[in-house]
N, C-alpha and C. Protein backbone atom coordinates (compact mmCIF):
# COMPACT_ATOMS: atom_id res chain seq x y z
N MET A 1 -29.20 11.14 6.17
CA MET A 1 -28.51 10.06 6.55
C MET A 1 -26.83 10.71 6.78
N THR A 2 -26.42 10.01 7.92
CA THR A 2 -24.94 10.40 8.08
C THR A 2 -24.21 9.41 7.81
N THR A 3 -22.93 9.77 7.10
CA THR A 3 -21.99 8.92 6.75
C THR A 3 -20.76 8.87 7.67
N ILE A 4 -20.43 7.79 7.93
CA ILE A 4 -19.07 7.58 8.85
C ILE A 4 -18.14 6.94 8.08
N ARG A 5 -16.99 7.54 8.06
CA ARG A 5 -15.84 6.77 7.47
C ARG A 5 -14.97 6.12 8.61
N ILE A 6 -14.61 4.77 8.37
CA ILE A 6 -13.61 4.20 9.20
C ILE A 6 -12.24 4.09 8.62
N MET A 7 -11.24 4.29 9.33
CA MET A 7 -10.07 4.18 8.57
C MET A 7 -9.24 3.43 9.77
N THR A 8 -8.53 2.31 9.34
CA THR A 8 -7.50 1.82 10.14
C THR A 8 -6.15 1.71 9.45
N TYR A 9 -5.02 2.09 10.29
CA TYR A 9 -3.69 2.06 9.60
C TYR A 9 -2.74 1.67 10.18
N GLN A 10 -1.75 0.75 9.95
CA GLN A 10 -0.62 0.13 10.65
C GLN A 10 0.44 1.21 10.68
N VAL A 11 0.88 1.75 11.75
CA VAL A 11 1.99 2.77 11.88
C VAL A 11 3.41 2.23 11.44
N GLN A 12 3.53 0.91 12.05
CA GLN A 12 4.70 0.14 11.94
C GLN A 12 5.95 1.38 12.16
N ARG A 13 5.74 1.76 13.42
CA ARG A 13 7.00 2.65 13.74
C ARG A 13 7.25 3.81 13.14
N CYS A 14 6.27 4.31 12.19
CA CYS A 14 6.39 5.36 11.13
C CYS A 14 7.21 5.07 10.01
N ARG A 15 7.81 3.85 9.85
CA ARG A 15 8.68 3.52 8.71
C ARG A 15 7.66 3.14 7.31
N GLY A 16 7.78 3.70 6.33
CA GLY A 16 7.29 3.66 5.36
C GLY A 16 7.76 2.44 4.45
N GLY A 17 7.19 2.10 3.37
CA GLY A 17 7.65 1.02 2.38
C GLY A 17 9.03 1.39 1.90
N ASP A 18 9.45 2.62 1.82
CA ASP A 18 10.80 2.88 1.32
C ASP A 18 11.86 3.05 2.21
N GLY A 19 11.46 2.55 3.68
CA GLY A 19 12.34 2.24 4.70
C GLY A 19 12.65 3.62 5.40
N ARG A 20 12.01 4.73 5.10
CA ARG A 20 12.53 5.87 5.64
C ARG A 20 11.39 6.05 6.95
N VAL A 21 11.64 6.52 8.06
CA VAL A 21 11.01 7.04 9.17
C VAL A 21 10.80 8.44 8.95
N ASP A 22 9.13 8.78 8.82
CA ASP A 22 8.80 9.75 8.31
C ASP A 22 7.45 10.14 9.02
N LEU A 23 7.52 10.82 10.21
CA LEU A 23 6.33 10.94 11.02
C LEU A 23 5.27 11.79 10.42
N ALA A 24 5.78 12.89 9.82
CA ALA A 24 4.92 13.60 9.01
C ALA A 24 4.25 13.12 7.94
N ARG A 25 4.78 12.22 7.19
CA ARG A 25 4.19 11.45 6.18
C ARG A 25 2.79 10.63 6.63
N VAL A 26 3.26 10.03 7.77
CA VAL A 26 2.19 9.03 8.18
C VAL A 26 1.13 9.83 8.71
N ALA A 27 1.30 11.23 9.64
CA ALA A 27 0.36 12.12 9.87
C ALA A 27 -0.35 12.71 8.73
N ARG A 28 0.28 12.85 7.65
CA ARG A 28 -0.48 13.41 6.44
C ARG A 28 -1.45 12.14 5.87
N VAL A 29 -0.80 10.99 5.94
CA VAL A 29 -2.03 10.07 5.27
C VAL A 29 -3.36 10.05 6.19
N ILE A 30 -2.69 9.98 7.65
CA ILE A 30 -4.15 9.63 8.58
C ILE A 30 -4.93 11.05 8.36
N GLY A 31 -4.27 12.21 8.36
CA GLY A 31 -5.00 13.32 8.37
C GLY A 31 -5.89 13.46 7.05
N ASP A 32 -5.48 12.94 5.84
CA ASP A 32 -5.93 13.11 4.64
C ASP A 32 -7.32 12.34 4.86
N GLY A 33 -7.39 11.19 5.65
CA GLY A 33 -8.56 10.46 5.74
C GLY A 33 -8.77 9.59 4.62
N ALA A 34 -7.92 9.38 3.73
CA ALA A 34 -8.07 8.86 2.31
C ALA A 34 -7.96 7.38 2.69
N ALA A 35 -9.04 6.58 3.35
CA ALA A 35 -9.12 5.41 3.55
C ALA A 35 -8.98 4.32 2.40
N ASP A 36 -9.63 5.06 1.26
CA ASP A 36 -9.94 4.31 -0.08
C ASP A 36 -8.28 4.24 -0.58
N ILE A 37 -7.45 5.19 -0.52
CA ILE A 37 -6.15 4.96 -0.92
C ILE A 37 -5.36 4.24 0.04
N VAL A 38 -5.52 4.29 1.20
CA VAL A 38 -4.79 3.31 2.20
C VAL A 38 -5.25 1.88 1.95
N ALA A 39 -6.47 1.66 1.61
CA ALA A 39 -7.01 0.25 1.28
C ALA A 39 -6.35 -0.30 -0.09
N LEU A 40 -6.10 0.63 -1.16
CA LEU A 40 -5.60 0.31 -2.32
C LEU A 40 -4.03 -0.08 -1.94
N ARG A 41 -3.10 0.74 -1.15
CA ARG A 41 -2.14 0.49 -0.92
C ARG A 41 -1.65 -0.70 -0.04
N LYS A 42 -2.70 -0.96 0.97
CA LYS A 42 -2.48 -2.40 1.91
C LYS A 42 -2.83 -3.48 1.00
N THR A 43 -3.88 -3.38 0.04
CA THR A 43 -4.00 -4.59 -0.75
C THR A 43 -2.79 -4.92 -1.68
N ALA A 44 -2.13 -3.76 -2.13
CA ALA A 44 -0.68 -4.13 -3.04
C ALA A 44 0.19 -4.69 -2.07
N GLU A 45 0.31 -4.17 -0.87
CA GLU A 45 1.57 -4.62 0.09
C GLU A 45 1.18 -6.09 0.43
N GLU A 46 -0.05 -6.56 0.66
CA GLU A 46 -0.43 -7.90 0.94
C GLU A 46 -0.13 -8.63 -0.24
N ILE A 47 -0.12 -8.30 -1.43
CA ILE A 47 0.20 -9.04 -2.68
C ILE A 47 1.56 -9.09 -2.68
N ARG A 48 2.41 -8.03 -2.80
CA ARG A 48 3.64 -8.06 -2.73
C ARG A 48 4.05 -8.98 -1.66
N ARG A 49 3.86 -8.98 -0.39
CA ARG A 49 4.16 -9.79 0.56
C ARG A 49 4.23 -11.33 0.19
N ARG A 50 3.09 -11.72 -0.36
CA ARG A 50 2.67 -12.96 -0.85
C ARG A 50 3.71 -13.45 -1.84
N GLU A 51 3.79 -12.64 -2.94
CA GLU A 51 4.70 -13.03 -3.87
C GLU A 51 6.37 -13.11 -3.66
N VAL A 52 6.62 -12.17 -2.80
CA VAL A 52 8.15 -12.33 -2.18
C VAL A 52 8.11 -13.45 -1.56
N ASP A 53 7.31 -13.94 -0.82
CA ASP A 53 7.19 -15.18 0.25
C ASP A 53 7.31 -16.31 -0.90
N GLU A 54 6.38 -16.23 -1.90
CA GLU A 54 6.56 -17.59 -2.52
C GLU A 54 7.75 -17.45 -3.47
N ALA A 55 8.43 -16.55 -4.08
CA ALA A 55 9.58 -16.47 -4.62
C ALA A 55 10.97 -16.90 -3.80
N LEU A 56 10.82 -16.28 -2.60
CA LEU A 56 12.01 -16.86 -1.64
C LEU A 56 11.74 -18.38 -1.27
N ALA A 57 10.54 -18.99 -1.19
CA ALA A 57 10.40 -20.14 -0.94
C ALA A 57 11.13 -21.08 -1.89
N ARG A 58 11.25 -20.60 -3.20
CA ARG A 58 11.74 -21.26 -4.36
C ARG A 58 13.33 -21.04 -4.38
N LEU A 59 13.84 -19.97 -3.50
CA LEU A 59 15.24 -19.67 -3.47
C LEU A 59 15.89 -20.02 -2.19
N PRO A 60 15.67 -21.15 -1.70
CA PRO A 60 16.11 -21.47 -0.41
C PRO A 60 17.60 -21.17 0.06
N ALA A 61 18.58 -21.05 -0.91
CA ALA A 61 19.88 -20.90 -0.87
C ALA A 61 20.31 -19.55 -0.76
N LEU A 62 19.55 -18.52 -0.72
CA LEU A 62 19.83 -17.16 -0.75
C LEU A 62 20.17 -16.90 0.67
N SER A 63 21.09 -16.03 1.09
CA SER A 63 21.47 -15.50 2.36
C SER A 63 20.35 -14.51 2.75
N GLU A 64 20.44 -14.29 4.04
CA GLU A 64 19.59 -13.31 4.63
C GLU A 64 19.85 -12.21 3.98
N SER A 65 20.72 -11.73 3.66
CA SER A 65 21.19 -10.26 2.93
C SER A 65 20.71 -10.22 1.82
N ASP A 66 20.61 -11.55 1.04
CA ASP A 66 20.14 -11.67 -0.48
C ASP A 66 18.37 -11.51 -0.27
N ARG A 67 18.08 -12.15 0.81
CA ARG A 67 16.59 -12.18 0.90
C ARG A 67 15.97 -10.80 1.32
N ALA A 68 16.73 -10.09 1.89
CA ALA A 68 16.42 -8.75 2.20
C ALA A 68 16.31 -7.96 0.82
N VAL A 69 17.52 -8.12 0.02
CA VAL A 69 17.52 -7.34 -1.14
C VAL A 69 16.13 -7.51 -2.27
N VAL A 70 15.65 -8.71 -2.09
CA VAL A 70 14.76 -9.14 -2.90
C VAL A 70 13.40 -8.65 -2.31
N ASP A 71 13.35 -8.41 -0.93
CA ASP A 71 12.13 -8.01 -0.30
C ASP A 71 11.87 -6.37 -0.69
N LYS A 72 13.23 -5.78 -0.40
CA LYS A 72 13.40 -4.47 -0.54
C LYS A 72 13.04 -3.88 -2.13
N LEU A 73 13.56 -4.77 -3.07
CA LEU A 73 13.46 -4.39 -4.50
C LEU A 73 11.79 -4.59 -4.68
N ALA A 74 11.20 -5.45 -4.10
CA ALA A 74 9.77 -5.60 -4.69
C ALA A 74 8.86 -4.59 -3.70
N THR A 75 9.34 -4.13 -2.52
CA THR A 75 8.81 -2.88 -1.82
C THR A 75 8.97 -1.59 -2.54
N ARG A 76 10.03 -1.43 -3.25
CA ARG A 76 10.52 -0.15 -4.12
C ARG A 76 9.62 -0.03 -5.30
N LEU A 77 9.49 -1.63 -5.85
CA LEU A 77 8.79 -1.40 -7.23
C LEU A 77 7.28 -1.12 -6.85
N VAL A 78 6.70 -1.82 -5.87
CA VAL A 78 5.28 -1.43 -5.47
C VAL A 78 5.09 0.09 -5.25
N ASN A 79 6.10 0.74 -4.57
CA ASN A 79 5.85 1.90 -4.07
C ASN A 79 6.10 2.93 -5.48
N ARG A 80 7.07 2.59 -6.39
CA ARG A 80 7.25 3.46 -7.47
C ARG A 80 5.84 3.24 -8.47
N PHE A 81 5.21 2.12 -8.66
CA PHE A 81 4.28 2.06 -9.34
C PHE A 81 3.02 2.43 -8.99
N LEU A 82 2.85 2.71 -7.54
CA LEU A 82 1.71 3.38 -6.88
C LEU A 82 1.61 4.78 -6.66
N HIS A 83 3.05 5.34 -6.81
CA HIS A 83 3.09 6.81 -6.13
C HIS A 83 2.31 7.64 -7.26
N GLY A 84 2.53 7.47 -8.48
CA GLY A 84 1.84 8.56 -9.31
C GLY A 84 0.44 8.21 -9.48
N PRO A 85 -0.32 7.00 -9.49
CA PRO A 85 -1.84 6.76 -9.57
C PRO A 85 -2.22 7.34 -8.16
N THR A 86 -1.51 7.21 -7.04
CA THR A 86 -1.93 7.58 -5.77
C THR A 86 -2.10 8.98 -5.79
N GLU A 87 -1.21 9.76 -6.18
CA GLU A 87 -1.28 11.29 -6.22
C GLU A 87 -2.40 11.65 -7.13
N ARG A 88 -2.62 10.92 -8.17
CA ARG A 88 -3.64 11.40 -9.06
C ARG A 88 -4.89 11.20 -8.49
N LEU A 89 -5.14 10.02 -7.77
CA LEU A 89 -6.42 9.84 -7.10
C LEU A 89 -6.63 10.87 -6.22
N ARG A 90 -5.66 11.23 -5.38
CA ARG A 90 -6.08 12.55 -4.33
C ARG A 90 -6.67 13.72 -4.97
N SER A 91 -6.34 13.82 -6.30
CA SER A 91 -6.80 15.13 -6.88
C SER A 91 -8.26 15.12 -7.40
N PHE A 92 -8.78 13.87 -7.22
CA PHE A 92 -10.39 13.52 -7.62
C PHE A 92 -11.21 13.81 -6.21
N PRO A 93 -12.35 14.05 -6.80
CA PRO A 93 -13.40 14.42 -5.68
C PRO A 93 -13.65 12.78 -4.88
N GLU A 94 -13.84 12.76 -3.57
CA GLU A 94 -13.93 11.72 -3.00
C GLU A 94 -14.82 10.57 -3.60
N SER A 95 -16.03 11.06 -3.98
CA SER A 95 -17.03 9.98 -4.40
C SER A 95 -16.46 9.20 -5.67
N THR A 96 -15.84 10.23 -6.53
CA THR A 96 -15.33 9.63 -7.97
C THR A 96 -14.00 8.88 -7.22
N ARG A 97 -13.26 9.24 -6.41
CA ARG A 97 -11.95 8.54 -5.89
C ARG A 97 -12.31 7.15 -5.37
N VAL A 98 -13.26 7.04 -4.67
CA VAL A 98 -14.04 5.85 -3.96
C VAL A 98 -14.26 4.80 -5.23
N GLU A 99 -15.18 5.31 -6.06
CA GLU A 99 -15.51 4.38 -7.41
C GLU A 99 -14.09 3.68 -8.01
N ILE A 100 -13.30 4.39 -8.22
CA ILE A 100 -12.15 4.04 -8.94
C ILE A 100 -11.24 3.17 -8.07
N VAL A 101 -10.97 3.40 -6.85
CA VAL A 101 -10.31 2.61 -6.13
C VAL A 101 -11.21 1.32 -5.77
N GLN A 102 -12.45 1.33 -5.56
CA GLN A 102 -13.09 0.04 -5.39
C GLN A 102 -12.71 -0.84 -6.78
N GLU A 103 -13.02 -0.38 -7.85
CA GLU A 103 -12.83 -0.93 -9.15
C GLU A 103 -11.37 -1.63 -9.15
N LEU A 104 -10.28 -0.77 -8.77
CA LEU A 104 -9.06 -1.28 -8.75
C LEU A 104 -8.82 -2.46 -7.70
N LEU A 105 -9.42 -2.39 -6.71
CA LEU A 105 -9.43 -3.36 -5.49
C LEU A 105 -10.04 -4.49 -5.98
N ARG A 106 -10.98 -4.63 -6.83
CA ARG A 106 -11.91 -5.79 -7.48
C ARG A 106 -10.79 -6.42 -8.26
N GLY A 107 -10.07 -5.58 -9.13
CA GLY A 107 -9.08 -6.30 -10.09
C GLY A 107 -7.88 -6.71 -9.58
N MET A 108 -7.44 -6.35 -8.16
CA MET A 108 -6.60 -6.81 -7.54
C MET A 108 -6.65 -7.85 -6.58
N GLY A 109 -8.03 -8.30 -6.55
CA GLY A 109 -8.50 -9.43 -5.56
C GLY A 109 -8.63 -8.97 -4.40
N GLY A 110 -8.62 -7.58 -4.11
CA GLY A 110 -9.00 -7.20 -2.73
C GLY A 110 -10.50 -6.87 -2.56
N THR A 111 -10.82 -6.57 -1.43
CA THR A 111 -12.43 -6.30 -1.18
C THR A 111 -12.48 -4.76 -1.08
N PRO A 112 -13.34 -4.18 -1.62
CA PRO A 112 -13.55 -2.94 -1.58
C PRO A 112 -14.20 -2.59 -0.25
N ARG A 113 -13.85 -1.47 0.24
CA ARG A 113 -14.79 -1.16 1.58
C ARG A 113 -16.10 -0.85 1.52
């Protein structure tokens, strides 16, 4: 049986969650073909966006500048929380990594691939 792995990735002008434009980083992620890790980060980003939107809805008096600070803070926190685990996951064999990420996604309310 042949296994086919499919990966989608939103390049977003090669700007990472940290705000830096880094073509090499995007190429590395895509080249690694670590679809499971991309799924984990995508799920975390969806949760982050939802939580930020909820928080900002409760703070209507914030200026656009302050709203951007809240959004940037949430992005940086997600990136810091995921960086270590993501790097560790990359060290596992793919089959083990996929199982771990699927369990994490279930816990986060995401859908495993």
